[in-house]
Amino acid sequence: MPVTDLSGGTLRWQPFPRNCGLRTTAHVHRYIRLLELAISVYVLVAIIKKRLKIDVSFYTILQILSLIIFEQFK
């Protein structure tokens, strides 16, 4: 993965290594889709938290949602 290095007080760009696991564009699109999903869930939780004026952490809300979702599949 691209990394910035702070050695010597300067930023250096390090390119992707050849064996980083993202071999095809399908893999890249899969990771992009996962990132989009994570961001959309975070935004939805933030909207719910703000509208309902809930004073609970994001982690707690996500735990409750995951329990509700996985209980429905049992």
PDB file of N, CA and C in Angstrom:
ATOM      1  N   MET A   1       0.844  -1.177   0.000  1.00  0.00           N
ATOM      2  CA  MET A   1       0.000   0.000   0.000  1.00  0.00           C
ATOM      3  C   MET A   1       0.887   1.236   0.000  1.00  0.00           C
ATOM      4  N   PRO A   2       0.368   2.325  -0.532  1.00  0.00           N
ATOM      5  CA  PRO A   2       1.168   3.537  -0.512  1.00  0.00           C
ATOM      6  C   PRO A   2       1.370   4.011   0.923  1.00  0.00           C
ATOM      7  N   VAL A   3       2.578   4.354   1.232  1.00  0.00           N
ATOM      8  CA  VAL A   3       2.907   4.764   2.594  1.00  0.00           C
ATOM      9  C   VAL A   3       3.733   6.035   2.528  1.00  0.00           C
ATOM     10  N   THR A   4       3.523   6.902   3.470  1.00  0.00           N
ATOM     11  CA  THR A   4       4.403   8.054   3.592  1.00  0.00           C
ATOM     12  C   THR A   4       5.397   7.768   4.702  1.00  0.00           C
ATOM     13  N   ASP A   5       6.617   8.136   4.498  1.00  0.00           N
ATOM     14  CA  ASP A   5       7.679   7.847   5.447  1.00  0.00           C
ATOM     15  C   ASP A   5       8.208   9.164   5.983  1.00  0.00           C
ATOM     16  N   LEU A   6       8.379   9.250   7.285  1.00  0.00           N
ATOM     17  CA  LEU A   6       8.844  10.482   7.899  1.00  0.00           C
ATOM     18  C   LEU A   6      10.318  10.432   8.280  1.00  0.00           C
ATOM     19  N   SER A   7      11.100   9.583   7.650  1.00  0.00           N
ATOM     20  CA  SER A   7      12.519   9.500   7.993  1.00  0.00           C
ATOM     21  C   SER A   7      13.239  10.744   7.477  1.00  0.00           C
ATOM     22  N   GLY A   8      13.980  11.358   8.336  1.00  0.00           N
ATOM     23  CA  GLY A   8      14.728  12.544   7.953  1.00  0.00           C
ATOM     24  C   GLY A   8      13.879  13.800   7.858  1.00  0.00           C
ATOM     25  N   GLY A   9      12.662  13.759   8.336  1.00  0.00           N
ATOM     26  CA  GLY A   9      11.826  14.944   8.333  1.00  0.00           C
ATOM     27  C   GLY A   9      11.164  15.248   7.006  1.00  0.00           C
ATOM     28  N   THR A  10      11.335  14.390   5.993  1.00  0.00           N
ATOM     29  CA  THR A  10      10.701  14.624   4.708  1.00  0.00           C
ATOM     30  C   THR A  10       9.702  13.518   4.415  1.00  0.00           C
ATOM     31  N   LEU A  11       8.680  13.854   3.666  1.00  0.00           N
ATOM     32  CA  LEU A  11       7.697  12.854   3.266  1.00  0.00           C
ATOM     33  C   LEU A  11       8.143  12.206   1.966  1.00  0.00           C
ATOM     34  N   ARG A  12       8.098  10.887   1.935  1.00  0.00           N
ATOM     35  CA  ARG A  12       8.436  10.161   0.710  1.00  0.00           C
ATOM     36  C   ARG A  12       7.279   9.255   0.347  1.00  0.00           C
ATOM     37  N   TRP A  13       6.956   9.173  -0.935  1.00  0.00           N
ATOM     38  CA  TRP A  13       5.900   8.308  -1.423  1.00  0.00           C
ATOM     39  C   TRP A  13       6.502   6.959  -1.774  1.00  0.00           C
ATOM     40  N   GLN A  14       5.915   5.904  -1.223  1.00  0.00           N
ATOM     41  CA  GLN A  14       6.360   4.557  -1.550  1.00  0.00           C
ATOM     42  C   GLN A  14       5.270   3.900  -2.386  1.00  0.00           C
ATOM     43  N   PRO A  15       5.589   3.424  -3.584  1.00  0.00           N
ATOM     44  CA  PRO A  15       4.555   2.857  -4.453  1.00  0.00           C
ATOM     45  C   PRO A  15       4.050   1.513  -3.934  1.00  0.00           C
ATOM     46  N   PHE A  16       2.949   1.034  -4.557  1.00  0.00           N
ATOM     47  CA  PHE A  16       2.411  -0.267  -4.196  1.00  0.00           C
ATOM     48  C   PHE A  16       3.448  -1.352  -4.455  1.00  0.00           C
ATOM     49  N   PRO A  17       3.615  -2.281  -3.515  1.00  0.00           N
ATOM     50  CA  PRO A  17       4.468  -3.433  -3.808  1.00  0.00           C
ATOM     51  C   PRO A  17       3.751  -4.365  -4.777  1.00  0.00           C
ATOM     52  N   ARG A  18       4.505  -5.180  -5.485  1.00  0.00           N
ATOM     53  CA  ARG A  18       3.904  -6.062  -6.485  1.00  0.00           C
ATOM     54  C   ARG A  18       3.044  -7.150  -5.856  1.00  0.00           C
ATOM     55  N   ASN A  19       3.311  -7.537  -4.620  1.00  0.00           N
ATOM     56  CA  ASN A  19       2.565  -8.623  -3.991  1.00  0.00           C
ATOM     57  C   ASN A  19       1.649  -8.112  -2.880  1.00  0.00           C
ATOM     58  N   CYS A  20       0.950  -7.021  -3.131  1.00  0.00           N
ATOM     59  CA  CYS A  20       0.110  -6.425  -2.096  1.00  0.00           C
ATOM     60  C   CYS A  20      -1.251  -7.090  -1.980  1.00  0.00           C
ATOM     61  N   GLY A  21      -1.593  -8.028  -2.868  1.00  0.00           N
ATOM     62  CA  GLY A  21      -2.862  -8.721  -2.781  1.00  0.00           C
ATOM     63  C   GLY A  21      -3.929  -8.164  -3.695  1.00  0.00           C
ATOM     64  N   LEU A  22      -3.718  -7.005  -4.267  1.00  0.00           N
ATOM     65  CA  LEU A  22      -4.683  -6.422  -5.195  1.00  0.00           C
ATOM     66  C   LEU A  22      -4.218  -6.723  -6.616  1.00  0.00           C
ATOM     67  N   ARG A  23      -4.489  -7.932  -7.050  1.00  0.00           N
ATOM     68  CA  ARG A  23      -3.937  -8.389  -8.326  1.00  0.00           C
ATOM     69  C   ARG A  23      -4.794  -8.014  -9.520  1.00  0.00           C
ATOM     70  N   THR A  24      -6.088  -7.998  -9.365  1.00  0.00           N
ATOM     71  CA  THR A  24      -6.965  -7.689 -10.488  1.00  0.00           C
ATOM     72  C   THR A  24      -7.833  -6.487 -10.130  1.00  0.00           C
ATOM     73  N   THR A  25      -8.471  -5.954 -11.153  1.00  0.00           N
ATOM     74  CA  THR A  25      -9.365  -4.834 -10.891  1.00  0.00           C
ATOM     75  C   THR A  25     -10.585  -5.281 -10.099  1.00  0.00           C
ATOM     76  N   ALA A  26     -10.940  -6.565 -10.178  1.00  0.00           N
ATOM     77  CA  ALA A  26     -12.064  -7.070  -9.390  1.00  0.00           C
ATOM     78  C   ALA A  26     -11.768  -6.955  -7.905  1.00  0.00           C
ATOM     79  N   HIS A  27     -10.522  -7.251  -7.513  1.00  0.00           N
ATOM     80  CA  HIS A  27     -10.139  -7.109  -6.110  1.00  0.00           C
ATOM     81  C   HIS A  27     -10.212  -5.649  -5.674  1.00  0.00           C
ATOM     82  N   VAL A  28      -9.737  -4.774  -6.521  1.00  0.00           N
ATOM     83  CA  VAL A  28      -9.758  -3.345  -6.195  1.00  0.00           C
ATOM     84  C   VAL A  28     -11.194  -2.874  -6.033  1.00  0.00           C
ATOM     85  N   HIS A  29     -12.073  -3.269  -6.951  1.00  0.00           N
ATOM     86  CA  HIS A  29     -13.470  -2.862  -6.863  1.00  0.00           C
ATOM     87  C   HIS A  29     -14.151  -3.446  -5.632  1.00  0.00           C
ATOM     88  N   ARG A  30     -13.763  -4.660  -5.235  1.00  0.00           N
ATOM     89  CA  ARG A  30     -14.325  -5.262  -4.031  1.00  0.00           C
ATOM     90  C   ARG A  30     -13.949  -4.453  -2.798  1.00  0.00           C
ATOM     91  N   TYR A  31     -12.687  -4.040  -2.703  1.00  0.00           N
ATOM     92  CA  TYR A  31     -12.258  -3.241  -1.556  1.00  0.00           C
ATOM     93  C   TYR A  31     -12.884  -1.854  -1.570  1.00  0.00           C
ATOM     94  N   ILE A  32     -13.050  -1.280  -2.753  1.00  0.00           N
ATOM     95  CA  ILE A  32     -13.716   0.020  -2.847  1.00  0.00           C
ATOM     96  C   ILE A  32     -15.163  -0.103  -2.392  1.00  0.00           C
ATOM     97  N   ARG A  33     -15.840  -1.184  -2.781  1.00  0.00           N
ATOM     98  CA  ARG A  33     -17.234  -1.400  -2.372  1.00  0.00           C
ATOM     99  C   ARG A  33     -17.344  -1.564  -0.856  1.00  0.00           C
ATOM    100  N   LEU A  34     -16.392  -2.301  -0.250  1.00  0.00           N
ATOM    101  CA  LEU A  34     -16.390  -2.451   1.200  1.00  0.00           C
ATOM    102  C   LEU A  34     -16.184  -1.117   1.894  1.00  0.00           C
ATOM    103  N   LEU A  35     -15.312  -0.290   1.347  1.00  0.00           N
ATOM    104  CA  LEU A  35     -15.073   1.036   1.909  1.00  0.00           C
ATOM    105  C   LEU A  35     -16.316   1.912   1.791  1.00  0.00           C
ATOM    106  N   GLU A  36     -16.986   1.867   0.632  1.00  0.00           N
ATOM    107  CA  GLU A  36     -18.223   2.629   0.461  1.00  0.00           C
ATOM    108  C   GLU A  36     -19.289   2.173   1.451  1.00  0.00           C
ATOM    109  N   LEU A  37     -19.391   0.874   1.664  1.00  0.00           N
ATOM    110  CA  LEU A  37     -20.369   0.339   2.604  1.00  0.00           C
ATOM    111  C   LEU A  37     -20.076   0.797   4.029  1.00  0.00           C
ATOM    112  N   ALA A  38     -18.803   0.759   4.418  1.00  0.00           N
ATOM    113  CA  ALA A  38     -18.429   1.180   5.768  1.00  0.00           C
ATOM    114  C   ALA A  38     -18.734   2.660   5.985  1.00  0.00           C
ATOM    115  N   ILE A  39     -18.436   3.477   4.989  1.00  0.00           N
ATOM    116  CA  ILE A  39     -18.698   4.917   5.111  1.00  0.00           C
ATOM    117  C   ILE A  39     -20.192   5.185   5.176  1.00  0.00           C
ATOM    118  N   SER A  40     -20.984   4.479   4.359  1.00  0.00           N
ATOM    119  CA  SER A  40     -22.429   4.711   4.370  1.00  0.00           C
ATOM    120  C   SER A  40     -23.051   4.270   5.691  1.00  0.00           C
ATOM    121  N   VAL A  41     -22.584   3.173   6.277  1.00  0.00           N
ATOM    122  CA  VAL A  41     -23.095   2.744   7.582  1.00  0.00           C
ATOM    123  C   VAL A  41     -22.732   3.768   8.648  1.00  0.00           C
ATOM    124  N   TYR A  42     -21.517   4.286   8.606  1.00  0.00           N
ATOM    125  CA  TYR A  42     -21.091   5.300   9.571  1.00  0.00           C
ATOM    126  C   TYR A  42     -21.965   6.545   9.467  1.00  0.00           C
ATOM    127  N   VAL A  43     -22.254   6.974   8.241  1.00  0.00           N
ATOM    128  CA  VAL A  43     -23.082   8.169   8.040  1.00  0.00           C
ATOM    129  C   VAL A  43     -24.511   7.921   8.515  1.00  0.00           C
ATOM    130  N   LEU A  44     -25.062   6.743   8.216  1.00  0.00           N
ATOM    131  CA  LEU A  44     -26.420   6.430   8.672  1.00  0.00           C
ATOM    132  C   LEU A  44     -26.506   6.408  10.192  1.00  0.00           C
ATOM    133  N   VAL A  45     -25.506   5.824  10.846  1.00  0.00           N
ATOM    134  CA  VAL A  45     -25.503   5.798  12.310  1.00  0.00           C
ATOM    135  C   VAL A  45     -25.390   7.222  12.859  1.00  0.00           C
ATOM    136  N   ALA A  46     -24.578   8.049  12.208  1.00  0.00           N
ATOM    137  CA  ALA A  46     -24.443   9.439  12.657  1.00  0.00           C
ATOM    138  C   ALA A  46     -25.764  10.190  12.512  1.00  0.00           C
ATOM    139  N   ILE A  47     -26.492   9.950  11.420  1.00  0.00           N
ATOM    140  CA  ILE A  47     -27.782  10.612  11.227  1.00  0.00           C
ATOM    141  C   ILE A  47     -28.782  10.144  12.272  1.00  0.00           C
ATOM    142  N   ILE A  48     -28.839   8.837  12.501  1.00  0.00           N
ATOM    143  CA  ILE A  48     -29.753   8.292  13.508  1.00  0.00           C
ATOM    144  C   ILE A  48     -29.423   8.845  14.882  1.00  0.00           C
ATOM    145  N   LYS A  49     -28.134   8.874  15.197  1.00  0.00           N
ATOM    146  CA  LYS A  49     -27.699   9.364  16.511  1.00  0.00           C
ATOM    147  C   LYS A  49     -28.075  10.839  16.701  1.00  0.00           C
ATOM    148  N   LYS A  50     -27.935  11.631  15.657  1.00  0.00           N
ATOM    149  CA  LYS A  50     -28.243  13.057  15.763  1.00  0.00           C
ATOM    150  C   LYS A  50     -29.746  13.303  15.833  1.00  0.00           C
ATOM    151  N   ARG A  51     -30.519  12.607  14.982  1.00  0.00           N
ATOM    152  CA  ARG A  51     -31.968  12.840  14.948  1.00  0.00           C
ATOM    153  C   ARG A  51     -32.661  12.366  16.217  1.00  0.00           C
ATOM    154  N   LEU A  52     -32.210  11.218  16.762  1.00  0.00           N
ATOM    155  CA  LEU A  52     -32.832  10.694  17.976  1.00  0.00           C
ATOM    156  C   LEU A  52     -32.193  11.245  19.243  1.00  0.00           C
ATOM    157  N   LYS A  53     -31.143  12.046  19.070  1.00  0.00           N
ATOM    158  CA  LYS A  53     -30.417  12.649  20.191  1.00  0.00           C
ATOM    159  C   LYS A  53     -29.994  11.598  21.213  1.00  0.00           C
ATOM    160  N   ILE A  54     -29.338  10.552  20.696  1.00  0.00           N
ATOM    161  CA  ILE A  54     -28.865   9.446  21.526  1.00  0.00           C
ATOM    162  C   ILE A  54     -27.467   9.779  22.020  1.00  0.00           C
ATOM    163  N   ASP A  55     -27.242   9.590  23.309  1.00  0.00           N
ATOM    164  CA  ASP A  55     -25.923   9.861  23.890  1.00  0.00           C
ATOM    165  C   ASP A  55     -25.190   8.535  24.144  1.00  0.00           C
ATOM    166  N   VAL A  56     -25.032   7.762  23.082  1.00  0.00           N
ATOM    167  CA  VAL A  56     -24.356   6.466  23.151  1.00  0.00           C
ATOM    168  C   VAL A  56     -23.261   6.481  22.085  1.00  0.00           C
ATOM    169  N   SER A  57     -22.191   5.744  22.320  1.00  0.00           N
ATOM    170  CA  SER A  57     -21.078   5.739  21.368  1.00  0.00           C
ATOM    171  C   SER A  57     -21.460   5.010  20.079  1.00  0.00           C
ATOM    172  N   PHE A  58     -20.720   5.306  19.016  1.00  0.00           N
ATOM    173  CA  PHE A  58     -20.937   4.632  17.743  1.00  0.00           C
ATOM    174  C   PHE A  58     -20.731   3.131  17.888  1.00  0.00           C
ATOM    175  N   TYR A  59     -19.734   2.754  18.653  1.00  0.00           N
ATOM    176  CA  TYR A  59     -19.427   1.339  18.849  1.00  0.00           C
ATOM    177  C   TYR A  59     -20.631   0.607  19.442  1.00  0.00           C
ATOM    178  N   THR A  60     -21.266   1.190  20.434  1.00  0.00           N
ATOM    179  CA  THR A  60     -22.426   0.562  21.073  1.00  0.00           C
ATOM    180  C   THR A  60     -23.580   0.442  20.093  1.00  0.00           C
ATOM    181  N   ILE A  61     -23.832   1.476  19.316  1.00  0.00           N
ATOM    182  CA  ILE A  61     -24.920   1.421  18.335  1.00  0.00           C
ATOM    183  C   ILE A  61     -24.634   0.349  17.291  1.00  0.00           C
ATOM    184  N   LEU A  62     -23.396   0.262  16.820  1.00  0.00           N
ATOM    185  CA  LEU A  62     -23.048  -0.758  15.831  1.00  0.00           C
ATOM    186  C   LEU A  62     -23.170  -2.163  16.407  1.00  0.00           C
ATOM    187  N   GLN A  63     -22.825  -2.336  17.671  1.00  0.00           N
ATOM    188  CA  GLN A  63     -22.983  -3.643  18.309  1.00  0.00           C
ATOM    189  C   GLN A  63     -24.451  -4.034  18.388  1.00  0.00           C
ATOM    190  N   ILE A  64     -25.309  -3.095  18.745  1.00  0.00           N
ATOM    191  CA  ILE A  64     -26.744  -3.368  18.820  1.00  0.00           C
ATOM    192  C   ILE A  64     -27.287  -3.729  17.441  1.00  0.00           C
ATOM    193  N   LEU A  65     -26.898  -2.968  16.417  1.00  0.00           N
ATOM    194  CA  LEU A  65     -27.364  -3.259  15.061  1.00  0.00           C
ATOM    195  C   LEU A  65     -26.893  -4.621  14.577  1.00  0.00           C
ATOM    196  N   SER A  66     -25.656  -4.979  14.874  1.00  0.00           N
ATOM    197  CA  SER A  66     -25.153  -6.279  14.427  1.00  0.00           C
ATOM    198  C   SER A  66     -25.870  -7.413  15.146  1.00  0.00           C
ATOM    199  N   LEU A  67     -26.200  -7.231  16.424  1.00  0.00           N
ATOM    200  CA  LEU A  67     -26.971  -8.244  17.141  1.00  0.00           C
ATOM    201  C   LEU A  67     -28.350  -8.417  16.523  1.00  0.00           C
ATOM    202  N   ILE A  68     -29.003  -7.308  16.220  1.00  0.00           N
ATOM    203  CA  ILE A  68     -30.339  -7.372  15.621  1.00  0.00           C
ATOM    204  C   ILE A  68     -30.290  -8.068  14.270  1.00  0.00           C
ATOM    205  N   ILE A  69     -29.311  -7.718  13.452  1.00  0.00           N
ATOM    206  CA  ILE A  69     -29.216  -8.303  12.108  1.00  0.00           C
ATOM    207  C   ILE A  69     -28.921  -9.804  12.189  1.00  0.00           C
ATOM    208  N   PHE A  70     -27.962 -10.207  13.022  1.00  0.00           N
ATOM    209  CA  PHE A  70     -27.586 -11.619  13.064  1.00  0.00           C
ATOM    210  C   PHE A  70     -28.616 -12.477  13.780  1.00  0.00           C
ATOM    211  N   GLU A  71     -29.409 -11.900  14.654  1.00  0.00           N
ATOM    212  CA  GLU A  71     -30.478 -12.662  15.295  1.00  0.00           C
ATOM    213  C   GLU A  71     -31.592 -12.990  14.306  1.00  0.00           C
ATOM    214  N   GLN A  72     -31.778 -12.127  13.317  1.00  0.00           N
ATOM    215  CA  GLN A  72     -32.808 -12.380  12.312  1.00  0.00           C
ATOM    216  C   GLN A  72     -32.437 -13.525  11.383  1.00  0.00           C
ATOM    217  N   PHE A  73     -31.137 -13.786  11.203  1.00  0.00           N
ATOM    218  CA  PHE A  73     -30.699 -14.843  10.293  1.00  0.00           C
ATOM    219  C   PHE A  73     -30.628 -16.211  10.960  1.00  0.00           C
ATOM    220  N   LYS A  74     -30.841 -16.288  12.262  1.00  0.00           N
ATOM    221  CA  LYS A  74     -30.769 -17.593  12.946  1.00  0.00           C
ATOM    222  C   LYS A  74     -32.037 -18.379  12.791  1.00  0.00           C
TER     223      LYS A  74
END
